[in-house]
Structure formats: C-alpha cells, structure tokens
Amino acid sequence: MEKADVIPSIVLSAHALARFAAQDAGNEAPSAQWRALSILEQKGGMRIGELAIAARTTQPGMTRLIGTLEQAGLVTRTTDPADTRATQVHATDAGLAHLAEWRAEMRDTLAPRFAGLDDEEWIVLQRAAEILAAHAQETTTTGEAE
C-alpha cells in the first residue's frame, strides 16, 4: 500500500464511525446539522452562501437547514456588518451546547468499540487525531492555513 492510500481509508472509516454512532445512539438529526454547527463554532458568523460552500452543500439546502436550526433556537441571523443588505448566521449558546452534547453522545456510543485497545494504541490514535486535525485546517490559495 502506498503511503497516500491510507488517506481515503481514514476518511471512509471516519464516515462509517459517524454513521455507527448516529445509528447506535438513535440520533436522527441530519449530519448536515452537526457539520453546519461545527463550522459556525470554528469560524464564527458566516453568510449562508459561505456556510453552504464550507459544508459542501447547496445554498437552497443550507437556507432550509438554517431555517430549521433557527426555529429550534440553535442559530440566529444578524445583519452582516460589512454589508447591511446581507445577513450572517451565528450559532447560539444553545446550538453550541447541543453540539457538545452530540459530541459526548458520539464519544460514549463509540467507546465500547475501542475498549480493547491498549495504552500504546491509544497513544497512536491520539497522535493520529492531532495530525488529522492539523491537516484538516482550511488553506488559502497560497497553501497557508487560515
């Protein structure tokens, strides 16, 4: 196996683990909800179009999702300070708390799958998580992390 061949394996495994966690926990919220809230947590307020691009979805789909999240009190819309004709979406404290609860639920649901790992394997996973997080940062066209 070539070194770079491990990357798709990691991505597919991560997707599978997320599916297992949602199914095992009985969480019926769409993954797009968690993705949008995670992006807003990381980047702060964004226009819906920017959020749609970051979440890799369509603007109409994101508009519908934001409407649902706004009704649930998980996001708010405010006037964009750079352009008063536009709006920005922000995660609310309730939205961030909901996101934290989902992450804890995912952790607790998946923990039994990893119960047999020894200390060395946990160290490897921790280091892999650090590496993945570092390389998951968005980059500019010049290749610098934002």
N, C-alpha and C. Protein backbone atom coordinates (compact mmCIF):
# COMPACT_ATOMS: atom_id res chain seq x y z
N MET A 1 0.85 -1.17 0.00
CA MET A 1 0.00 0.00 0.00
C MET A 1 0.90 1.25 0.00
N GLU A 2 0.57 2.18 -0.86
CA GLU A 2 1.29 3.45 -0.90
C GLU A 2 0.90 4.28 0.32
N LYS A 3 1.80 5.16 0.75
CA LYS A 3 1.54 5.99 1.92
C LYS A 3 0.23 6.76 1.78
N ALA A 4 0.02 7.39 0.63
CA ALA A 4 -1.17 8.22 0.43
C ALA A 4 -2.46 7.41 0.40
N ASP A 5 -2.37 6.10 0.18
CA ASP A 5 -3.56 5.26 0.12
C ASP A 5 -4.27 5.16 1.46
N VAL A 6 -3.58 5.48 2.54
CA VAL A 6 -4.21 5.42 3.86
C VAL A 6 -5.23 6.56 4.05
N ILE A 7 -5.06 7.65 3.30
CA ILE A 7 -5.94 8.81 3.48
C ILE A 7 -7.40 8.48 3.17
N PRO A 8 -7.72 7.89 2.01
CA PRO A 8 -9.12 7.54 1.77
C PRO A 8 -9.65 6.54 2.81
N SER A 9 -8.79 5.65 3.27
CA SER A 9 -9.21 4.70 4.30
C SER A 9 -9.61 5.41 5.58
N ILE A 10 -8.86 6.42 5.96
CA ILE A 10 -9.18 7.20 7.16
C ILE A 10 -10.52 7.91 6.99
N VAL A 11 -10.70 8.54 5.83
CA VAL A 11 -11.94 9.28 5.58
C VAL A 11 -13.14 8.34 5.61
N LEU A 12 -13.04 7.20 4.93
CA LEU A 12 -14.16 6.25 4.90
C LEU A 12 -14.43 5.68 6.28
N SER A 13 -13.38 5.40 7.03
CA SER A 13 -13.56 4.89 8.39
C SER A 13 -14.23 5.92 9.28
N ALA A 14 -13.84 7.18 9.14
CA ALA A 14 -14.45 8.24 9.94
C ALA A 14 -15.94 8.37 9.61
N HIS A 15 -16.28 8.30 8.32
CA HIS A 15 -17.69 8.36 7.94
C HIS A 15 -18.47 7.17 8.53
N ALA A 16 -17.88 5.99 8.45
CA ALA A 16 -18.54 4.79 8.99
C ALA A 16 -18.74 4.93 10.50
N LEU A 17 -17.73 5.40 11.21
CA LEU A 17 -17.86 5.58 12.65
C LEU A 17 -18.96 6.57 12.99
N ALA A 18 -19.05 7.66 12.23
CA ALA A 18 -20.11 8.65 12.46
C ALA A 18 -21.49 8.03 12.23
N ARG A 19 -21.61 7.21 11.18
CA ARG A 19 -22.89 6.53 10.92
C ARG A 19 -23.24 5.58 12.06
N PHE A 20 -22.24 4.77 12.49
CA PHE A 20 -22.49 3.83 13.59
C PHE A 20 -22.93 4.58 14.84
N ALA A 21 -22.26 5.68 15.15
CA ALA A 21 -22.59 6.45 16.35
C ALA A 21 -24.02 6.97 16.27
N ALA A 22 -24.40 7.52 15.13
CA ALA A 22 -25.76 8.05 14.98
C ALA A 22 -26.79 6.94 15.08
N GLN A 23 -26.53 5.80 14.43
CA GLN A 23 -27.47 4.69 14.46
C GLN A 23 -27.57 4.08 15.86
N ASP A 24 -26.42 3.81 16.47
CA ASP A 24 -26.41 3.18 17.79
C ASP A 24 -27.03 4.08 18.86
N ALA A 25 -26.86 5.39 18.72
CA ALA A 25 -27.41 6.32 19.70
C ALA A 25 -28.87 6.66 19.39
N GLY A 26 -29.33 6.29 18.20
CA GLY A 26 -30.69 6.63 17.81
C GLY A 26 -30.85 8.11 17.50
N ASN A 27 -29.75 8.77 17.16
CA ASN A 27 -29.77 10.20 16.86
C ASN A 27 -30.25 10.38 15.42
N GLU A 28 -31.39 11.04 15.26
CA GLU A 28 -31.97 11.19 13.93
C GLU A 28 -31.68 12.54 13.29
N ALA A 29 -30.92 13.39 13.98
CA ALA A 29 -30.58 14.70 13.41
C ALA A 29 -29.68 14.49 12.20
N PRO A 30 -29.90 15.26 11.16
CA PRO A 30 -29.07 15.09 9.96
C PRO A 30 -27.62 15.49 10.23
N SER A 31 -26.70 14.79 9.59
CA SER A 31 -25.28 15.11 9.77
C SER A 31 -24.97 16.53 9.32
N ALA A 32 -25.76 17.06 8.37
CA ALA A 32 -25.55 18.43 7.91
C ALA A 32 -25.74 19.43 9.05
N GLN A 33 -26.61 19.10 9.99
CA GLN A 33 -26.82 19.97 11.16
C GLN A 33 -25.54 20.08 11.97
N TRP A 34 -24.92 18.95 12.24
CA TRP A 34 -23.70 18.93 13.05
C TRP A 34 -22.56 19.60 12.30
N ARG A 35 -22.50 19.37 10.99
CA ARG A 35 -21.46 19.97 10.18
C ARG A 35 -21.60 21.49 10.19
N ALA A 36 -22.81 22.01 10.01
CA ALA A 36 -23.04 23.46 10.00
C ALA A 36 -22.70 24.07 11.36
N LEU A 37 -23.17 23.44 12.43
CA LEU A 37 -22.88 23.98 13.77
C LEU A 37 -21.38 23.93 14.06
N SER A 38 -20.71 22.87 13.63
CA SER A 38 -19.26 22.76 13.85
C SER A 38 -18.51 23.87 13.11
N ILE A 39 -18.92 24.15 11.88
CA ILE A 39 -18.28 25.20 11.10
C ILE A 39 -18.50 26.55 11.76
N LEU A 40 -19.73 26.81 12.20
CA LEU A 40 -20.02 28.08 12.87
C LEU A 40 -19.26 28.21 14.18
N GLU A 41 -19.10 27.10 14.89
CA GLU A 41 -18.32 27.11 16.13
C GLU A 41 -16.87 27.50 15.83
N GLN A 42 -16.33 26.93 14.77
CA GLN A 42 -14.93 27.16 14.44
C GLN A 42 -14.68 28.54 13.83
N LYS A 43 -15.55 28.97 12.93
CA LYS A 43 -15.30 30.19 12.16
C LYS A 43 -16.08 31.40 12.63
N GLY A 44 -17.11 31.21 13.43
CA GLY A 44 -17.95 32.33 13.82
C GLY A 44 -19.01 32.59 12.77
N GLY A 45 -19.60 33.79 12.82
CA GLY A 45 -20.68 34.13 11.91
C GLY A 45 -20.27 34.08 10.46
N MET A 46 -21.19 33.59 9.63
CA MET A 46 -20.94 33.47 8.19
C MET A 46 -22.23 33.74 7.43
N ARG A 47 -22.08 34.19 6.20
CA ARG A 47 -23.24 34.27 5.31
C ARG A 47 -23.66 32.85 4.93
N ILE A 48 -24.92 32.68 4.59
CA ILE A 48 -25.43 31.35 4.25
C ILE A 48 -24.67 30.76 3.07
N GLY A 49 -24.37 31.55 2.06
CA GLY A 49 -23.64 31.04 0.90
C GLY A 49 -22.25 30.54 1.27
N GLU A 50 -21.57 31.28 2.14
CA GLU A 50 -20.24 30.86 2.60
C GLU A 50 -20.34 29.56 3.41
N LEU A 51 -21.37 29.49 4.24
CA LEU A 51 -21.58 28.29 5.05
C LEU A 51 -21.90 27.09 4.16
N ALA A 52 -22.69 27.32 3.13
CA ALA A 52 -23.02 26.24 2.19
C ALA A 52 -21.77 25.71 1.51
N ILE A 53 -20.89 26.62 1.09
CA ILE A 53 -19.65 26.20 0.44
C ILE A 53 -18.79 25.42 1.43
N ALA A 54 -18.65 25.94 2.64
CA ALA A 54 -17.82 25.28 3.65
C ALA A 54 -18.37 23.90 4.01
N ALA A 55 -19.69 23.75 3.99
CA ALA A 55 -20.34 22.49 4.35
C ALA A 55 -20.52 21.57 3.14
N ARG A 56 -20.14 22.05 1.97
CA ARG A 56 -20.27 21.30 0.72
C ARG A 56 -21.71 20.90 0.43
N THR A 57 -22.58 21.90 0.47
CA THR A 57 -23.98 21.68 0.16
C THR A 57 -24.46 22.85 -0.70
N THR A 58 -25.70 22.79 -1.14
CA THR A 58 -26.24 23.87 -1.96
C THR A 58 -26.72 25.01 -1.07
N GLN A 59 -26.78 26.19 -1.65
CA GLN A 59 -27.28 27.33 -0.88
C GLN A 59 -28.76 27.15 -0.52
N PRO A 60 -29.63 26.67 -1.44
CA PRO A 60 -31.02 26.45 -1.04
C PRO A 60 -31.15 25.40 0.08
N GLY A 61 -30.33 24.35 0.01
CA GLY A 61 -30.36 23.35 1.06
C GLY A 61 -29.91 23.92 2.39
N MET A 62 -28.88 24.76 2.37
CA MET A 62 -28.40 25.37 3.60
C MET A 62 -29.43 26.36 4.14
N THR A 63 -30.09 27.08 3.25
CA THR A 63 -31.13 28.02 3.68
C THR A 63 -32.23 27.28 4.43
N ARG A 64 -32.65 26.13 3.90
CA ARG A 64 -33.68 25.32 4.58
C ARG A 64 -33.18 24.83 5.93
N LEU A 65 -31.94 24.33 5.96
CA LEU A 65 -31.37 23.83 7.21
C LEU A 65 -31.28 24.95 8.25
N ILE A 66 -30.82 26.12 7.85
CA ILE A 66 -30.69 27.24 8.78
C ILE A 66 -32.07 27.65 9.30
N GLY A 67 -33.07 27.60 8.45
CA GLY A 67 -34.44 27.90 8.91
C GLY A 67 -34.87 26.94 10.01
N THR A 68 -34.58 25.67 9.82
CA THR A 68 -34.93 24.66 10.83
C THR A 68 -34.14 24.88 12.12
N LEU A 69 -32.83 25.14 11.96
CA LEU A 69 -31.99 25.36 13.14
C LEU A 69 -32.38 26.65 13.87
N GLU A 70 -32.79 27.66 13.12
CA GLU A 70 -33.23 28.92 13.74
C GLU A 70 -34.52 28.70 14.53
N GLN A 71 -35.46 27.95 13.98
CA GLN A 71 -36.71 27.65 14.69
C GLN A 71 -36.44 26.89 15.98
N ALA A 72 -35.39 26.05 15.97
CA ALA A 72 -35.04 25.27 17.16
C ALA A 72 -34.20 26.09 18.15
N GLY A 73 -33.83 27.32 17.78
CA GLY A 73 -33.05 28.16 18.66
C GLY A 73 -31.56 27.84 18.66
N LEU A 74 -31.09 27.11 17.64
CA LEU A 74 -29.69 26.70 17.59
C LEU A 74 -28.80 27.69 16.84
N VAL A 75 -29.41 28.52 16.00
CA VAL A 75 -28.68 29.58 15.29
C VAL A 75 -29.54 30.84 15.28
N THR A 76 -28.88 31.96 15.03
CA THR A 76 -29.57 33.24 14.82
C THR A 76 -29.03 33.87 13.55
N ARG A 77 -29.81 34.77 13.01
CA ARG A 77 -29.36 35.55 11.85
C ARG A 77 -29.23 37.00 12.30
N THR A 78 -28.15 37.64 11.86
CA THR A 78 -27.93 39.05 12.15
C THR A 78 -27.50 39.76 10.87
N THR A 79 -27.58 41.07 10.89
CA THR A 79 -27.12 41.85 9.75
C THR A 79 -25.61 41.74 9.65
N ASP A 80 -25.14 41.55 8.43
CA ASP A 80 -23.70 41.47 8.18
C ASP A 80 -23.12 42.87 8.33
N PRO A 81 -22.19 43.06 9.27
CA PRO A 81 -21.63 44.40 9.47
C PRO A 81 -20.90 44.95 8.24
N ALA A 82 -20.42 44.07 7.37
CA ALA A 82 -19.71 44.51 6.17
C ALA A 82 -20.67 44.91 5.04
N ASP A 83 -21.92 44.44 5.11
CA ASP A 83 -22.91 44.72 4.07
C ASP A 83 -24.29 44.58 4.70
N THR A 84 -24.91 45.71 5.02
CA THR A 84 -26.19 45.67 5.75
C THR A 84 -27.33 45.06 4.93
N ARG A 85 -27.11 44.80 3.65
CA ARG A 85 -28.14 44.12 2.85
C ARG A 85 -28.10 42.62 3.06
N ALA A 86 -27.01 42.13 3.62
CA ALA A 86 -26.81 40.68 3.79
C ALA A 86 -26.96 40.30 5.26
N THR A 87 -27.12 39.00 5.49
CA THR A 87 -27.21 38.50 6.87
C THR A 87 -26.12 37.48 7.12
N GLN A 88 -25.79 37.35 8.38
CA GLN A 88 -24.86 36.33 8.83
C GLN A 88 -25.60 35.37 9.75
N VAL A 89 -25.14 34.14 9.77
CA VAL A 89 -25.69 33.12 10.66
C VAL A 89 -24.67 32.89 11.77
N HIS A 90 -25.15 32.80 13.00
CA HIS A 90 -24.30 32.54 14.17
C HIS A 90 -24.90 31.40 14.96
N ALA A 91 -24.06 30.54 15.50
CA ALA A 91 -24.53 29.51 16.43
C ALA A 91 -24.89 30.20 17.75
N THR A 92 -25.97 29.79 18.34
CA THR A 92 -26.36 30.31 19.65
C THR A 92 -25.66 29.50 20.74
N ASP A 93 -25.74 29.99 21.96
CA ASP A 93 -25.20 29.20 23.08
C ASP A 93 -25.90 27.85 23.15
N ALA A 94 -27.20 27.84 22.89
CA ALA A 94 -27.95 26.58 22.89
C ALA A 94 -27.46 25.67 21.77
N GLY A 95 -27.15 26.24 20.61
CA GLY A 95 -26.64 25.46 19.49
C GLY A 95 -25.29 24.84 19.81
N LEU A 96 -24.41 25.62 20.45
CA LEU A 96 -23.10 25.10 20.83
C LEU A 96 -23.22 24.04 21.92
N ALA A 97 -24.16 24.23 22.84
CA ALA A 97 -24.38 23.22 23.88
C ALA A 97 -24.93 21.94 23.25
N HIS A 98 -25.81 22.07 22.28
CA HIS A 98 -26.38 20.93 21.57
C HIS A 98 -25.27 20.17 20.84
N LEU A 99 -24.36 20.91 20.22
CA LEU A 99 -23.22 20.32 19.52
C LEU A 99 -22.32 19.57 20.51
N ALA A 100 -22.05 20.16 21.66
CA ALA A 100 -21.22 19.50 22.68
C ALA A 100 -21.90 18.22 23.18
N GLU A 101 -23.22 18.26 23.35
CA GLU A 101 -23.96 17.06 23.78
C GLU A 101 -23.86 15.97 22.72
N TRP A 102 -23.96 16.35 21.44
CA TRP A 102 -23.84 15.37 20.36
C TRP A 102 -22.46 14.74 20.35
N ARG A 103 -21.43 15.55 20.54
CA ARG A 103 -20.06 15.01 20.57
C ARG A 103 -19.88 14.04 21.73
N ALA A 104 -20.44 14.37 22.89
CA ALA A 104 -20.35 13.48 24.04
C ALA A 104 -21.13 12.19 23.78
N GLU A 105 -22.27 12.31 23.16
CA GLU A 105 -23.08 11.14 22.81
C GLU A 105 -22.32 10.25 21.83
N MET A 106 -21.66 10.87 20.84
CA MET A 106 -20.89 10.11 19.88
C MET A 106 -19.74 9.39 20.59
N ARG A 107 -19.03 10.11 21.46
CA ARG A 107 -17.92 9.51 22.21
C ARG A 107 -18.40 8.32 23.04
N ASP A 108 -19.49 8.52 23.78
CA ASP A 108 -19.99 7.47 24.67
C ASP A 108 -20.52 6.27 23.89
N THR A 109 -21.11 6.53 22.73
CA THR A 109 -21.66 5.45 21.91
C THR A 109 -20.55 4.63 21.27
N LEU A 110 -19.48 5.29 20.83
CA LEU A 110 -18.40 4.59 20.15
C LEU A 110 -17.37 3.99 21.09
N ALA A 111 -17.30 4.46 22.33
CA ALA A 111 -16.27 4.00 23.27
C ALA A 111 -16.19 2.48 23.38
N PRO A 112 -17.31 1.75 23.44
CA PRO A 112 -17.20 0.29 23.56
C PRO A 112 -16.47 -0.37 22.38
N ARG A 113 -16.52 0.24 21.19
CA ARG A 113 -15.83 -0.32 20.03
C ARG A 113 -14.31 -0.26 20.20
N PHE A 114 -13.84 0.61 21.10
CA PHE A 114 -12.41 0.82 21.30
C PHE A 114 -11.93 0.33 22.67
N ALA A 115 -12.81 -0.34 23.40
CA ALA A 115 -12.50 -0.74 24.77
C ALA A 115 -11.29 -1.68 24.87
N GLY A 116 -11.02 -2.44 23.84
CA GLY A 116 -9.93 -3.41 23.88
C GLY A 116 -8.56 -2.86 23.52
N LEU A 117 -8.48 -1.57 23.25
CA LEU A 117 -7.19 -1.00 22.86
C LEU A 117 -6.27 -0.88 24.07
N ASP A 118 -4.99 -1.11 23.83
CA ASP A 118 -4.02 -0.93 24.92
C ASP A 118 -3.50 0.50 24.92
N ASP A 119 -2.67 0.84 25.90
CA ASP A 119 -2.16 2.21 26.04
C ASP A 119 -1.41 2.67 24.80
N GLU A 120 -0.62 1.80 24.21
CA GLU A 120 0.15 2.17 23.02
C GLU A 120 -0.78 2.51 21.86
N GLU A 121 -1.84 1.74 21.69
CA GLU A 121 -2.80 2.02 20.62
C GLU A 121 -3.52 3.35 20.85
N TRP A 122 -3.83 3.66 22.12
CA TRP A 122 -4.46 4.95 22.43
C TRP A 122 -3.51 6.10 22.09
N ILE A 123 -2.23 5.91 22.36
CA ILE A 123 -1.24 6.95 22.02
C ILE A 123 -1.19 7.15 20.52
N VAL A 124 -1.23 6.06 19.76
CA VAL A 124 -1.23 6.15 18.30
C VAL A 124 -2.47 6.89 17.82
N LEU A 125 -3.64 6.55 18.37
CA LEU A 125 -4.88 7.22 17.96
C LEU A 125 -4.86 8.70 18.33
N GLN A 126 -4.34 9.02 19.50
CA GLN A 126 -4.26 10.42 19.90
C GLN A 126 -3.36 11.20 18.94
N ARG A 127 -2.23 10.62 18.59
CA ARG A 127 -1.32 11.29 17.66
C ARG A 127 -1.96 11.41 16.28
N ALA A 128 -2.65 10.37 15.85
CA ALA A 128 -3.34 10.42 14.55
C ALA A 128 -4.40 11.52 14.56
N ALA A 129 -5.14 11.65 15.65
CA ALA A 129 -6.15 12.70 15.76
C ALA A 129 -5.52 14.09 15.67
N GLU A 130 -4.37 14.26 16.31
CA GLU A 130 -3.66 15.54 16.25
C GLU A 130 -3.22 15.85 14.82
N ILE A 131 -2.67 14.85 14.15
CA ILE A 131 -2.21 15.03 12.76
C ILE A 131 -3.39 15.36 11.86
N LEU A 132 -4.47 14.60 12.00
CA LEU A 132 -5.65 14.84 11.16
C LEU A 132 -6.22 16.23 11.40
N ALA A 133 -6.30 16.65 12.65
CA ALA A 133 -6.81 17.98 12.96
C ALA A 133 -5.94 19.06 12.33
N ALA A 134 -4.64 18.88 12.40
CA ALA A 134 -3.72 19.86 11.82
C ALA A 134 -3.88 19.95 10.30
N HIS A 135 -4.13 18.83 9.66
CA HIS A 135 -4.24 18.82 8.20
C HIS A 135 -5.66 19.05 7.71
N ALA A 136 -6.60 19.12 8.63
CA ALA A 136 -7.99 19.39 8.26
C ALA A 136 -8.27 20.89 8.22
N GLN A 137 -7.29 21.70 8.60
CA GLN A 137 -7.45 23.15 8.55
C GLN A 137 -7.62 23.58 7.10
N GLU A 138 -8.54 24.51 6.87
CA GLU A 138 -8.70 25.04 5.52
C GLU A 138 -7.46 25.84 5.18
N THR A 139 -7.10 25.83 3.89
CA THR A 139 -5.95 26.60 3.45
C THR A 139 -6.38 27.62 2.42
N THR A 140 -5.60 28.67 2.32
CA THR A 140 -5.82 29.68 1.30
C THR A 140 -5.25 29.17 -0.01
N THR A 141 -5.40 29.94 -1.06
CA THR A 141 -4.86 29.52 -2.36
C THR A 141 -3.35 29.49 -2.34
N THR A 142 -2.72 30.15 -1.37
CA THR A 142 -1.27 30.10 -1.27
C THR A 142 -0.81 28.93 -0.44
N GLY A 143 -1.77 28.17 0.12
CA GLY A 143 -1.43 26.99 0.89
C GLY A 143 -1.23 27.25 2.37
N GLU A 144 -1.45 28.50 2.82
CA GLU A 144 -1.30 28.82 4.23
C GLU A 144 -2.59 28.53 4.97
N ALA A 145 -2.47 28.00 6.18
CA ALA A 145 -3.66 27.72 6.98
C ALA A 145 -4.31 29.04 7.38
N GLU A 146 -5.65 29.02 7.38
CA GLU A 146 -6.40 30.20 7.79
C GLU A 146 -6.57 30.22 9.28
